[in-house]
Amino acid sequence: MKKVIAIVLTIMLLSMMFVGCTQAPAPTETESEIILITDKGNIDDKSFNQGSWEGVVEFATANNLTHTYIKPEEASDAGYLAAIDLAVTAGAKVLVTPGFLFEVAVYEAQTKYPEIKFILLDGSPHTADWMTFETKENVASIMYAEEESAYLAGYAAIMDGMTNLGFMGGMAVPAVQAFGYGFLQGAEDAAAELGLADGAVKVTYHYTGNFEENDTNKATARTMYQEGVEVIFAAGGSVGKSVMSAAAEADAKVIGVDVDQRYDSETVITSAMKGLGTSVIDVLDSIYNTDSFDTYGGTTTYFNAANDGVGLPTVVLGEADGDAFDRFDTFDKAAYDTLFAKVAGGSISILRNITVADATGNATAEELTSQLGLVKVSVTTR
């Protein structure tokens, strides 16, 4: 099974190079069986939308199924529901909705369109007031163990000799929080393994409050680099583009997110990946080929290291002998494989959640330190 998933991931990465070319038809209102609705970003965002879309393209092409995508006219619950209405009118039988922004719209749509199957990535359907959560049988709620891939990235950075790290998350939603918590825990464990002094690792921790590429985010990243940060883990969709731009100017490093972002910038040393395409393919396969959608519908399924649903990149596109770890100084695939096996096997405990007092979800340095058990890592929030 792992070999099959690895092959799928490789094929997905290859096809990603051609989004916007032959692989990605323009959005259309003509009849299509599988339709992906983007969040407020673009289909070629080098992140969540694109990674999910590649799963649709790969499966639909292999199975000769019509497919397209729709970008909502308005980035709101009403706008997303309107896009769902449009997709159903266009003949969709399966709707792929990538991200937590669709939670309220899918909650309403799952009852409105019981004959439609929904694949909701990184979210659980709920009412706008957060009072009622319900995933009906026509909805597959897919989640990812972000804390595991982030742990791998944080560990790798410290083992590679870095001791001054940065974290720039988007909004403090559960998935982004998990990325941050895992990153800190990976750095802590690596520092302990190396015998570093207490507080030897510095981490500047920041939520941008958005998932956008903009001058403000670039300025924040620039300041971090000027203050001595060696690498920033950019866990906020298009926020990463701002960070990469700042890193290029500062001759610094970036850790990407969601998909392998090494092809977007030479500053990216690795990426905390989710198996977005893989999970989409798995659920579509249960619908069209194995008649087993009931294993996903009506429940939440986690993709994690144990089922190869998260991890760092291990292949380089177009290079049979390529080294996906060649942007590290010393950390290599052998070290990664050993660590990944421990995470996948459950011998390393990684917290996904902590208690945060602030309603925004922004944890204080004290909350992060005490609840994640940080000793070697000293956190500064901004």
Protein backbone atom coordinates (compact mmCIF):
# COMPACT_ATOMS: atom_id res chain seq x y z
CA MET A 1 0.00 0.00 0.00
CA LYS A 2 2.84 2.41 0.86
CA LYS A 3 4.43 1.77 -2.53
CA VAL A 4 1.13 2.59 -4.24
CA ILE A 5 0.75 5.82 -2.28
CA ALA A 6 4.35 6.78 -3.00
CA ILE A 7 3.77 6.28 -6.72
CA VAL A 8 0.59 8.36 -6.55
CA LEU A 9 2.43 11.14 -4.74
CA THR A 10 5.16 11.14 -7.37
CA ILE A 11 2.62 11.27 -10.20
CA MET A 12 0.80 14.07 -8.39
CA LEU A 13 3.99 16.08 -8.05
CA LEU A 14 4.76 15.64 -11.72
CA SER A 15 1.33 16.75 -12.80
CA MET A 16 1.51 19.79 -10.54
CA MET A 17 4.13 21.31 -12.83
CA PHE A 18 1.50 21.67 -15.52
CA VAL A 19 -1.35 23.34 -13.64
CA GLY A 20 -2.63 26.17 -15.79
CA CYS A 21 -1.43 24.37 -18.93
CA THR A 22 -2.86 21.16 -20.37
CA GLN A 23 -3.83 19.64 -17.02
CA ALA A 24 -6.12 22.40 -15.76
CA PRO A 25 -9.16 23.33 -17.82
CA ALA A 26 -10.48 26.84 -17.32
CA PRO A 27 -13.40 27.12 -14.89
CA THR A 28 -16.64 26.52 -16.68
CA GLU A 29 -20.34 26.19 -16.07
CA THR A 30 -20.71 23.35 -18.56
CA GLU A 31 -21.60 19.95 -17.20
CA SER A 32 -18.90 18.23 -15.16
CA GLU A 33 -19.20 15.26 -12.82
CA ILE A 34 -16.45 16.20 -10.36
CA ILE A 35 -16.09 19.86 -9.44
CA LEU A 36 -13.65 21.48 -7.05
CA ILE A 37 -14.54 24.84 -5.57
CA THR A 38 -11.54 26.93 -4.63
CA ASP A 39 -11.41 29.00 -1.49
CA LYS A 40 -10.64 32.69 -1.96
CA GLY A 41 -7.26 31.79 -3.46
CA ASN A 42 -6.45 30.74 -7.01
CA ILE A 43 -6.26 27.22 -8.41
CA ASP A 44 -2.51 27.64 -8.95
CA ASP A 45 -1.75 28.89 -5.43
CA LYS A 46 1.12 26.39 -5.03
CA SER A 47 -0.66 25.31 -1.86
CA PHE A 48 -4.03 24.00 -0.72
CA ASN A 49 -6.18 24.64 -3.78
CA GLN A 50 -3.56 23.37 -6.19
CA GLY A 51 -2.66 20.29 -4.18
CA SER A 52 -6.33 19.30 -3.93
CA TRP A 53 -6.99 20.06 -7.60
CA GLU A 54 -4.15 17.82 -8.69
CA GLY A 55 -5.88 14.91 -6.97
CA VAL A 56 -9.05 15.64 -8.93
CA VAL A 57 -7.15 15.94 -12.21
CA GLU A 58 -5.17 12.75 -11.72
CA PHE A 59 -8.16 10.61 -10.75
CA ALA A 60 -10.63 12.06 -13.24
CA THR A 61 -8.18 11.77 -16.12
CA ALA A 62 -7.33 8.17 -15.29
CA ASN A 63 -11.01 7.27 -14.99
CA ASN A 64 -12.28 9.34 -17.93
CA LEU A 65 -14.51 11.55 -15.80
CA THR A 66 -15.46 15.13 -16.60
CA HIS A 67 -14.05 17.61 -14.12
CA THR A 68 -13.54 21.31 -13.59
CA TYR A 69 -13.22 23.91 -10.86
CA ILE A 70 -15.13 27.00 -9.83
CA LYS A 71 -13.80 30.06 -8.04
CA PRO A 72 -16.49 31.70 -5.88
CA GLU A 73 -17.36 35.30 -6.67
CA GLU A 74 -17.35 36.13 -2.97
CA ALA A 75 -15.17 34.75 -0.17
CA SER A 76 -17.94 34.25 2.39
CA ASP A 77 -20.28 31.51 3.59
CA ALA A 78 -22.94 32.83 1.21
CA GLY A 79 -20.42 33.02 -1.62
CA TYR A 80 -19.25 29.45 -1.09
CA LEU A 81 -22.83 28.17 -0.92
CA ALA A 82 -23.63 30.04 -4.14
CA ALA A 83 -20.67 28.32 -5.79
CA ILE A 84 -21.97 24.97 -4.58
CA ASP A 85 -25.38 25.79 -6.08
CA LEU A 86 -23.67 26.64 -9.37
CA ALA A 87 -21.69 23.40 -9.32
CA VAL A 88 -24.81 21.32 -8.76
CA THR A 89 -26.51 23.15 -11.63
CA ALA A 90 -23.47 22.27 -13.74
CA GLY A 91 -24.12 18.58 -13.13
CA ALA A 92 -21.70 17.82 -10.32
CA LYS A 93 -22.09 14.51 -8.55
CA VAL A 94 -19.04 14.99 -6.36
CA LEU A 95 -17.87 18.29 -4.90
CA VAL A 96 -14.38 18.81 -3.50
CA THR A 97 -14.14 21.71 -1.06
CA PRO A 98 -10.59 22.41 0.15
CA GLY A 99 -10.33 24.05 3.53
CA PHE A 100 -12.05 25.10 6.74
CA LEU A 101 -13.63 28.09 5.01
CA PHE A 102 -16.22 25.69 3.55
CA GLU A 103 -17.40 24.25 6.87
CA VAL A 104 -20.57 26.35 7.19
CA ALA A 105 -21.47 26.15 3.50
CA VAL A 106 -21.08 22.37 3.46
CA TYR A 107 -23.13 22.08 6.65
CA GLU A 108 -26.05 23.70 4.82
CA ALA A 109 -25.42 22.04 1.46
CA GLN A 110 -25.23 18.48 2.82
CA THR A 111 -28.93 18.68 3.68
CA LYS A 112 -29.91 20.74 0.66
CA TYR A 113 -28.25 18.27 -1.73
CA PRO A 114 -28.40 14.79 -0.15
CA GLU A 115 -27.68 13.15 -3.51
CA ILE A 116 -24.35 14.98 -3.87
CA LYS A 117 -21.19 13.60 -2.29
CA PHE A 118 -18.92 16.16 -0.66
CA ILE A 119 -15.21 15.80 0.08
CA LEU A 120 -14.45 18.44 2.70
CA LEU A 121 -10.72 18.79 3.27
CA ASP A 122 -9.40 20.16 6.54
CA GLY A 123 -12.82 20.84 7.98
CA SER A 124 -15.93 19.60 9.78
CA PRO A 125 -19.42 20.86 8.86
CA HIS A 126 -20.97 23.14 11.48
CA THR A 127 -23.41 26.00 11.88
CA ALA A 128 -22.22 29.59 11.62
CA ASP A 129 -22.53 30.03 15.39
CA TRP A 130 -20.38 26.92 16.01
CA MET A 131 -23.15 25.46 18.17
CA THR A 132 -23.95 22.42 16.02
CA PHE A 133 -21.55 20.04 14.29
CA GLU A 134 -22.87 17.33 11.99
CA THR A 135 -21.27 15.33 9.20
CA LYS A 136 -23.98 13.60 7.20
CA GLU A 137 -23.48 10.37 5.27
CA ASN A 138 -22.92 12.22 1.99
CA VAL A 139 -19.92 14.12 3.41
CA ALA A 140 -16.38 12.83 3.87
CA SER A 141 -14.57 15.05 6.35
CA ILE A 142 -10.83 14.69 5.80
CA MET A 143 -8.29 15.93 8.33
CA TYR A 144 -4.51 15.78 8.43
CA ALA A 145 -2.01 15.35 11.25
CA GLU A 146 -0.29 18.68 10.60
CA GLU A 147 1.54 18.40 13.88
CA GLU A 148 3.40 15.35 12.58
CA SER A 149 4.75 16.86 9.37
CA ALA A 150 5.63 20.06 11.25
CA TYR A 151 7.42 18.03 13.92
CA LEU A 152 9.54 16.43 11.20
CA ALA A 153 10.39 19.87 9.80
CA GLY A 154 11.29 21.40 13.17
CA TYR A 155 13.43 18.41 14.09
CA ALA A 156 15.24 18.53 10.73
CA ALA A 157 16.03 22.23 11.06
CA ILE A 158 17.70 21.80 14.45
CA MET A 159 19.55 18.64 13.47
CA ASP A 160 20.89 20.58 10.49
CA GLY A 161 22.53 23.07 12.83
CA MET A 162 20.02 25.91 12.95
CA THR A 163 19.14 27.39 16.33
CA ASN A 164 17.18 30.54 15.45
CA LEU A 165 13.84 29.67 13.88
CA GLY A 166 10.72 31.55 12.88
CA PHE A 167 7.09 30.50 12.53
CA MET A 168 4.63 32.54 10.49
CA GLY A 169 1.18 31.00 10.57
CA GLY A 170 -1.87 32.41 8.83
CA MET A 171 -4.96 32.58 11.02
CA ALA A 172 -4.89 30.67 14.30
CA VAL A 173 -7.29 27.96 13.12
CA PRO A 174 -6.80 24.35 14.29
CA ALA A 175 -4.73 23.19 11.31
CA VAL A 176 -2.34 26.16 11.51
CA GLN A 177 -2.10 25.88 15.28
CA ALA A 178 -1.18 22.21 14.90
CA PHE A 179 1.57 23.13 12.45
CA GLY A 180 3.05 25.54 14.97
CA TYR A 181 2.81 23.20 17.94
CA GLY A 182 4.38 20.32 16.04
CA PHE A 183 7.20 22.55 14.77
CA LEU A 184 8.10 23.60 18.31
CA GLN A 185 8.01 20.03 19.62
CA GLY A 186 10.24 18.77 16.82
CA ALA A 187 12.77 21.51 17.53
CA GLU A 188 12.66 20.73 21.26
CA ASP A 189 13.28 17.01 20.82
CA ALA A 190 16.12 17.54 18.36
CA ALA A 191 17.78 20.08 20.66
CA ALA A 192 17.51 17.66 23.57
CA GLU A 193 18.97 14.87 21.47
CA LEU A 194 21.91 17.10 20.56
CA GLY A 195 22.45 18.05 24.19
CA LEU A 196 21.94 21.77 23.61
CA ALA A 197 21.66 24.08 26.61
CA ASP A 198 18.29 25.14 27.96
CA GLY A 199 16.95 28.01 25.88
CA ALA A 200 19.62 27.50 23.21
CA VAL A 201 17.01 27.41 20.44
CA LYS A 202 15.18 30.66 19.76
CA VAL A 203 11.81 30.65 17.99
CA THR A 204 9.96 33.79 16.91
CA TYR A 205 6.28 32.85 16.74
CA HIS A 206 3.72 34.89 14.80
CA TYR A 207 0.25 34.65 13.26
CA THR A 208 -0.36 37.01 10.34
CA GLY A 209 -4.16 36.93 10.67
CA ASN A 210 -4.55 36.16 6.96
CA PHE A 211 -3.50 33.75 4.23
CA GLU A 212 -2.36 36.37 1.76
CA GLU A 213 0.70 37.47 -0.14
CA ASN A 214 1.15 41.11 0.82
CA ASP A 215 3.71 43.74 1.77
CA THR A 216 2.92 43.52 5.47
CA ASN A 217 3.69 39.82 5.63
CA LYS A 218 6.88 40.33 3.65
CA ALA A 219 7.94 43.11 6.00
CA THR A 220 7.35 40.86 9.01
CA ALA A 221 9.47 38.12 7.47
CA ARG A 222 12.17 40.63 6.53
CA THR A 223 12.31 41.86 10.12
CA MET A 224 12.62 38.30 11.43
CA TYR A 225 15.53 37.61 9.13
CA GLN A 226 17.20 40.90 10.07
CA GLU A 227 16.90 39.89 13.72
CA GLY A 228 18.82 36.69 13.07
CA VAL A 229 16.17 34.11 12.18
CA GLU A 230 17.75 31.51 9.90
CA VAL A 231 14.64 29.80 8.59
CA ILE A 232 10.92 30.62 8.71
CA PHE A 233 8.24 27.95 8.62
CA ALA A 234 5.55 29.67 6.54
CA ALA A 235 2.29 27.89 7.37
CA GLY A 236 -0.31 30.17 5.86
CA GLY A 237 -1.04 29.48 2.21
CA SER A 238 0.01 32.47 0.13
CA VAL A 239 1.77 33.96 3.15
CA GLY A 240 4.59 31.70 2.01
CA LYS A 241 5.07 33.74 -1.15
CA SER A 242 5.75 36.83 0.96
CA VAL A 243 8.19 34.90 3.12
CA MET A 244 10.00 33.45 0.11
CA SER A 245 10.42 36.92 -1.36
CA ALA A 246 11.90 38.22 1.88
CA ALA A 247 14.14 35.16 2.19
CA ALA A 248 15.50 35.63 -1.32
CA GLU A 249 16.50 39.18 -0.48
CA ALA A 250 18.05 38.15 2.83
CA ASP A 251 19.76 35.01 1.50
CA ALA A 252 17.80 33.09 4.12
CA LYS A 253 15.74 29.91 4.25
CA VAL A 254 12.09 28.87 4.23
CA ILE A 255 10.15 25.75 5.17
CA GLY A 256 7.12 25.39 2.91
CA VAL A 257 3.70 23.95 3.70
CA ASP A 258 0.93 21.71 2.33
CA VAL A 259 2.75 20.74 -0.91
CA ASP A 260 6.40 20.51 -1.96
CA GLN A 261 7.31 24.16 -2.50
CA ARG A 262 10.97 23.69 -3.41
CA TYR A 263 10.02 24.37 -7.04
CA ASP A 264 8.67 27.82 -6.14
CA SER A 265 11.89 29.17 -4.66
CA GLU A 266 15.46 28.07 -4.07
CA THR A 267 15.05 29.38 -0.53
CA VAL A 268 12.74 26.47 0.37
CA ILE A 269 14.76 23.72 2.05
CA THR A 270 11.81 21.38 2.68
CA SER A 271 8.03 21.45 3.15
CA ALA A 272 5.64 20.12 5.78
CA MET A 273 3.36 18.33 3.36
CA LYS A 274 -0.19 17.07 3.55
CA GLY A 275 -1.25 14.31 1.20
CA LEU A 276 -3.94 16.52 -0.31
CA GLY A 277 -4.00 14.86 -3.69
CA THR A 278 -3.61 11.41 -2.21
CA SER A 279 -6.58 11.84 0.11
CA VAL A 280 -8.76 13.20 -2.69
CA ILE A 281 -7.82 10.23 -4.88
CA ASP A 282 -8.54 7.76 -2.07
CA VAL A 283 -12.04 9.12 -1.47
CA LEU A 284 -12.84 9.39 -5.18
CA ASP A 285 -11.68 5.81 -5.60
CA SER A 286 -14.09 4.73 -2.86
CA ILE A 287 -16.91 6.39 -4.80
CA TYR A 288 -16.17 5.24 -8.33
CA ASN A 289 -14.17 2.03 -8.06
CA THR A 290 -14.60 0.21 -4.77
CA ASP A 291 -18.11 1.23 -3.69
CA SER A 292 -16.80 1.93 -0.20
CA PHE A 293 -17.63 5.59 0.35
CA ASP A 294 -19.41 4.58 3.54
CA THR A 295 -15.96 4.20 5.13
CA TYR A 296 -15.51 7.97 4.69
CA GLY A 297 -19.04 9.36 4.60
CA GLY A 298 -20.55 10.57 7.84
CA THR A 299 -17.27 10.61 9.72
CA THR A 300 -13.87 12.27 10.00
CA THR A 301 -10.83 10.48 8.60
CA TYR A 302 -7.31 11.48 9.57
CA PHE A 303 -4.40 11.17 7.18
CA ASN A 304 -1.17 10.93 9.14
CA ALA A 305 2.34 9.50 9.02
CA ALA A 306 1.03 6.00 9.70
CA ASN A 307 -0.88 5.98 6.39
CA ASP A 308 1.64 8.16 4.54
CA GLY A 309 -0.78 11.08 4.67
CA VAL A 310 1.79 13.64 5.87
CA GLY A 311 5.56 14.05 5.72
CA LEU A 312 8.49 15.86 4.13
CA PRO A 313 9.30 15.51 0.40
CA THR A 314 11.51 12.55 -0.44
CA VAL A 315 11.71 12.78 -4.25
CA VAL A 316 12.77 15.44 -6.75
CA LEU A 317 10.72 15.88 -9.90
CA GLY A 318 12.38 14.75 -13.09
CA GLU A 319 15.45 13.43 -11.28
CA ALA A 320 15.56 9.69 -10.74
CA ASP A 321 18.55 10.07 -8.44
CA GLY A 322 17.56 13.48 -7.10
CA ASP A 323 18.14 14.27 -3.44
CA ALA A 324 15.15 15.97 -1.82
CA PHE A 325 17.38 16.84 1.16
CA ASP A 326 20.11 18.57 -0.85
CA ARG A 327 19.22 21.99 0.56
CA PHE A 328 20.13 20.87 4.07
CA ASP A 329 23.75 21.00 5.16
CA THR A 330 23.84 17.70 7.05
CA PHE A 331 20.32 16.35 7.59
CA ASP A 332 19.71 13.59 5.04
CA LYS A 333 17.15 11.02 3.93
CA ALA A 334 18.57 8.29 6.14
CA ALA A 335 18.05 10.46 9.22
CA TYR A 336 14.59 11.40 7.98
CA ASP A 337 13.56 7.80 7.34
CA THR A 338 14.58 6.83 10.87
CA LEU A 339 12.61 9.70 12.38
CA PHE A 340 9.57 9.17 10.13
CA ALA A 341 9.38 5.50 11.16
CA LYS A 342 9.24 6.54 14.81
CA VAL A 343 6.48 9.07 14.18
CA ALA A 344 4.50 6.65 12.01
CA GLY A 345 4.94 3.88 14.55
CA GLY A 346 3.64 6.01 17.39
CA SER A 347 6.77 5.88 19.52
CA ILE A 348 6.95 9.69 19.52
CA SER A 349 4.07 11.53 21.19
CA ILE A 350 3.18 14.82 19.50
CA LEU A 351 0.53 17.14 20.92
CA ARG A 352 -1.97 18.58 18.46
CA ASN A 353 -3.90 20.82 20.84
CA ILE A 354 -3.21 23.00 23.85
CA THR A 355 -5.46 25.26 25.92
CA VAL A 356 -5.34 28.86 24.71
CA ALA A 357 -7.06 31.61 26.70
CA ASP A 358 -7.30 34.18 23.91
CA ALA A 359 -10.45 33.80 21.81
CA THR A 360 -8.39 34.45 18.67
CA GLY A 361 -6.48 31.21 19.25
CA ASN A 362 -3.16 33.04 19.50
CA ALA A 363 -1.17 31.27 22.21
CA THR A 364 1.14 33.18 24.51
CA ALA A 365 4.79 32.22 24.91
CA GLU A 366 3.96 30.97 28.41
CA GLU A 367 1.12 28.77 27.15
CA LEU A 368 3.34 27.31 24.44
CA THR A 369 6.26 26.72 26.78
CA SER A 370 4.36 25.17 29.67
CA GLN A 371 1.93 22.99 27.76
CA LEU A 372 4.37 21.76 25.11
CA GLY A 373 7.08 21.14 27.69
CA LEU A 374 9.64 23.41 26.06
CA VAL A 375 12.99 23.61 27.82
CA LYS A 376 15.61 23.81 25.10
CA VAL A 377 13.36 26.09 23.04
CA SER A 378 12.73 29.70 24.04
CA VAL A 379 9.67 31.22 22.34
CA THR A 380 9.00 34.88 21.62
CA THR A 381 5.57 35.77 20.24
CA ARG A 382 4.91 38.87 18.16
